[in-house]
C-alpha atoms as a PDB file:
ATOM      1  CA  MET A   1       0.000   0.000   0.000  1.00  0.00           C
ATOM      2  CA  ILE A   2       2.724   2.462   1.001  1.00  0.00           C
ATOM      3  CA  ARG A   3       4.814   1.445  -2.000  1.00  0.00           C
ATOM      4  CA  THR A   4       1.849   2.186  -4.295  1.00  0.00           C
ATOM      5  CA  LEU A   5       1.387   5.614  -2.716  1.00  0.00           C
ATOM      6  CA  ILE A   6       5.079   6.440  -3.112  1.00  0.00           C
ATOM      7  CA  LEU A   7       5.083   5.344  -6.768  1.00  0.00           C
ATOM      8  CA  SER A   8       1.924   7.321  -7.411  1.00  0.00           C
ATOM      9  CA  ALA A   9       3.400  10.463  -5.823  1.00  0.00           C
ATOM     10  CA  ALA A  10       6.627  10.055  -7.815  1.00  0.00           C
ATOM     11  CA  ALA A  11       4.699   9.659 -11.069  1.00  0.00           C
ATOM     12  CA  SER A  12       2.619  12.755 -10.306  1.00  0.00           C
ATOM     13  CA  ALA A  13       5.724  14.805  -9.562  1.00  0.00           C
ATOM     14  CA  LEU A  14       7.341  13.616 -12.795  1.00  0.00           C
ATOM     15  CA  MET A  15       4.278  14.604 -14.834  1.00  0.00           C
ATOM     16  CA  LEU A  16       4.197  18.058 -13.252  1.00  0.00           C
ATOM     17  CA  THR A  17       7.887  18.581 -13.954  1.00  0.00           C
ATOM     18  CA  ALA A  18       7.528  17.431 -17.567  1.00  0.00           C
ATOM     19  CA  GLY A  19       4.803  20.030 -18.209  1.00  0.00           C
ATOM     20  CA  ALA A  20       6.756  22.935 -16.755  1.00  0.00           C
ATOM     21  CA  PRO A  21       8.877  23.818 -19.828  1.00  0.00           C
ATOM     22  CA  ALA A  22       5.819  24.013 -22.094  1.00  0.00           C
ATOM     23  CA  ALA A  23       3.996  26.222 -19.610  1.00  0.00           C
ATOM     24  CA  ALA A  24       7.027  28.478 -19.235  1.00  0.00           C
ATOM     25  CA  ARG A  25       7.358  28.745 -23.024  1.00  0.00           C
ATOM     26  CA  GLY A  26       3.682  29.707 -23.275  1.00  0.00           C
ATOM     27  CA  ASP A  27       4.209  32.425 -20.667  1.00  0.00           C
ATOM     28  CA  ARG A  28       7.215  33.770 -22.592  1.00  0.00           C
ATOM     29  CA  ASP A  29       5.174  33.796 -25.810  1.00  0.00           C
ATOM     30  CA  GLN A  30       2.456  35.812 -24.097  1.00  0.00           C
ATOM     31  CA  ASP A  31       5.013  38.218 -22.641  1.00  0.00           C
ATOM     32  CA  ASN A  32       6.619  38.664 -26.069  1.00  0.00           C
ATOM     33  CA  LEU A  33       3.204  39.245 -27.608  1.00  0.00           C
ATOM     34  CA  ARG A  34       2.253  41.879 -25.024  1.00  0.00           C
ATOM     35  CA  GLU A  35       5.547  43.679 -25.564  1.00  0.00           C
ATOM     36  CA  ALA A  36       5.141  43.611 -29.342  1.00  0.00           C
ATOM     37  CA  ALA A  37       1.571  44.936 -29.051  1.00  0.00           C
ATOM     38  CA  ALA A  38       2.697  47.730 -26.731  1.00  0.00           C
ATOM     39  CA  GLN A  39       5.321  48.748 -29.295  1.00  0.00           C
ATOM     40  CA  GLY A  40       2.790  48.642 -32.140  1.00  0.00           C
ATOM     41  CA  GLN A  41       4.522  45.726 -33.853  1.00  0.00           C
ATOM     42  CA  VAL A  42       1.402  43.530 -33.921  1.00  0.00           C
ATOM     43  CA  ILE A  43      -2.282  44.172 -34.494  1.00  0.00           C
ATOM     44  CA  PRO A  44      -4.395  43.694 -31.346  1.00  0.00           C
ATOM     45  CA  LEU A  45      -6.026  40.270 -31.266  1.00  0.00           C
ATOM     46  CA  GLY A  46      -9.581  41.609 -30.991  1.00  0.00           C
ATOM     47  CA  ARG A  47      -9.098  43.658 -34.129  1.00  0.00           C
ATOM     48  CA  LEU A  48      -7.602  40.681 -36.017  1.00  0.00           C
ATOM     49  CA  ILE A  49     -10.522  38.439 -35.041  1.00  0.00           C
ATOM     50  CA  ALA A  50     -13.095  41.076 -36.024  1.00  0.00           C
ATOM     51  CA  ASP A  51     -11.340  41.622 -39.358  1.00  0.00           C
ATOM     52  CA  VAL A  52     -11.238  37.908 -40.230  1.00  0.00           C
ATOM     53  CA  LYS A  53     -14.864  37.431 -39.102  1.00  0.00           C
ATOM     54  CA  SER A  54     -15.929  40.214 -41.482  1.00  0.00           C
ATOM     55  CA  ARG A  55     -14.402  38.503 -44.542  1.00  0.00           C
ATOM     56  CA  PRO A  56     -16.186  35.873 -46.619  1.00  0.00           C
ATOM     57  CA  PRO A  57     -16.259  32.909 -46.188  1.00  0.00           C
ATOM     58  CA  TYR A  58     -15.465  33.371 -42.477  1.00  0.00           C
ATOM     59  CA  SER A  59     -18.358  35.819 -42.038  1.00  0.00           C
ATOM     60  CA  ASP A  60     -20.707  32.835 -42.444  1.00  0.00           C
ATOM     61  CA  MET A  61     -18.789  30.692 -39.910  1.00  0.00           C
ATOM     62  CA  THR A  62     -18.861  30.619 -36.123  1.00  0.00           C
ATOM     63  CA  TYR A  63     -15.684  31.744 -34.367  1.00  0.00           C
ATOM     64  CA  LEU A  64     -14.787  29.156 -31.718  1.00  0.00           C
ATOM     65  CA  GLY A  65     -12.307  31.201 -29.661  1.00  0.00           C
ATOM     66  CA  GLY A  66      -9.148  29.860 -28.053  1.00  0.00           C
ATOM     67  CA  PRO A  67      -6.661  31.526 -30.403  1.00  0.00           C
ATOM     68  CA  GLN A  68      -3.144  30.155 -30.411  1.00  0.00           C
ATOM     69  CA  PHE A  69      -0.057  32.246 -31.066  1.00  0.00           C
ATOM     70  CA  ASP A  70       3.259  31.192 -32.570  1.00  0.00           C
ATOM     71  CA  ALA A  71       5.689  33.825 -31.290  1.00  0.00           C
ATOM     72  CA  ARG A  72       8.548  32.641 -33.483  1.00  0.00           C
ATOM     73  CA  ARG A  73       6.543  33.142 -36.686  1.00  0.00           C
ATOM     74  CA  MET A  74       4.199  35.862 -35.282  1.00  0.00           C
ATOM     75  CA  ILE A  75       1.164  33.913 -36.521  1.00  0.00           C
ATOM     76  CA  TYR A  76      -2.229  33.451 -34.867  1.00  0.00           C
ATOM     77  CA  ALA A  77      -4.272  30.292 -35.400  1.00  0.00           C
ATOM     78  CA  LEU A  78      -7.985  31.145 -35.220  1.00  0.00           C
ATOM     79  CA  LYS A  79     -10.599  28.371 -35.145  1.00  0.00           C
ATOM     80  CA  PHE A  80     -13.933  28.606 -36.922  1.00  0.00           C
ATOM     81  CA  MET A  81     -16.797  26.145 -37.326  1.00  0.00           C
ATOM     82  CA  ASP A  82     -18.066  25.642 -40.881  1.00  0.00           C
ATOM     83  CA  GLY A  83     -21.089  23.372 -40.577  1.00  0.00           C
ATOM     84  CA  SER A  84     -19.646  20.326 -38.831  1.00  0.00           C
ATOM     85  CA  GLN A  85     -16.024  21.015 -39.778  1.00  0.00           C
ATOM     86  CA  VAL A  86     -13.427  22.979 -37.813  1.00  0.00           C
ATOM     87  CA  VAL A  87     -11.453  25.400 -39.971  1.00  0.00           C
ATOM     88  CA  VAL A  88      -8.175  26.837 -38.679  1.00  0.00           C
ATOM     89  CA  VAL A  89      -7.199  30.182 -40.183  1.00  0.00           C
ATOM     90  CA  TYR A  90      -3.589  31.359 -39.856  1.00  0.00           C
ATOM     91  CA  VAL A  91      -3.200  35.131 -39.611  1.00  0.00           C
ATOM     92  CA  ASP A  92      -0.005  37.191 -39.585  1.00  0.00           C
ATOM     93  CA  ALA A  93      -0.124  39.182 -36.327  1.00  0.00           C
ATOM     94  CA  ARG A  94       1.919  42.033 -37.847  1.00  0.00           C
ATOM     95  CA  THR A  95      -0.115  42.618 -40.996  1.00  0.00           C
ATOM     96  CA  GLY A  96      -3.479  40.923 -40.430  1.00  0.00           C
ATOM     97  CA  ARG A  97      -3.005  39.017 -43.682  1.00  0.00           C
ATOM     98  CA  ILE A  98      -4.403  35.473 -43.835  1.00  0.00           C
ATOM     99  CA  VAL A  99      -1.401  33.269 -44.582  1.00  0.00           C
ATOM    100  CA  GLY A 100      -2.994  29.835 -44.472  1.00  0.00           C
ATOM    101  CA  ARG A 101      -5.979  27.671 -43.690  1.00  0.00           C
ATOM    102  CA  LYS A 102      -6.725  24.074 -42.717  1.00  0.00           C
ATOM    103  CA  PRO A 103      -8.797  22.500 -44.274  1.00  0.00           C
END
């Protein structure tokens, strides 16, 4: 019983430690994004979302939220629902230009 508890605690600690670098990287990305926005290097997220939502065919889709940001490439991934299919739109945070889409 005690051995099981010790192994369980060790596994939990290992899982928490393994997730730390990803969380720290996400925090750095957000910090970099805030700094870039403050310096006028990127378009504010709300404005980017509104702009994409106003363009066909995205104006007929439902925005799902939960944007993701790639700080290295300065690209947002915005998720939309088109019928029963999720569409991911990639938008350049500096220019607002749509640079890709899946599917």
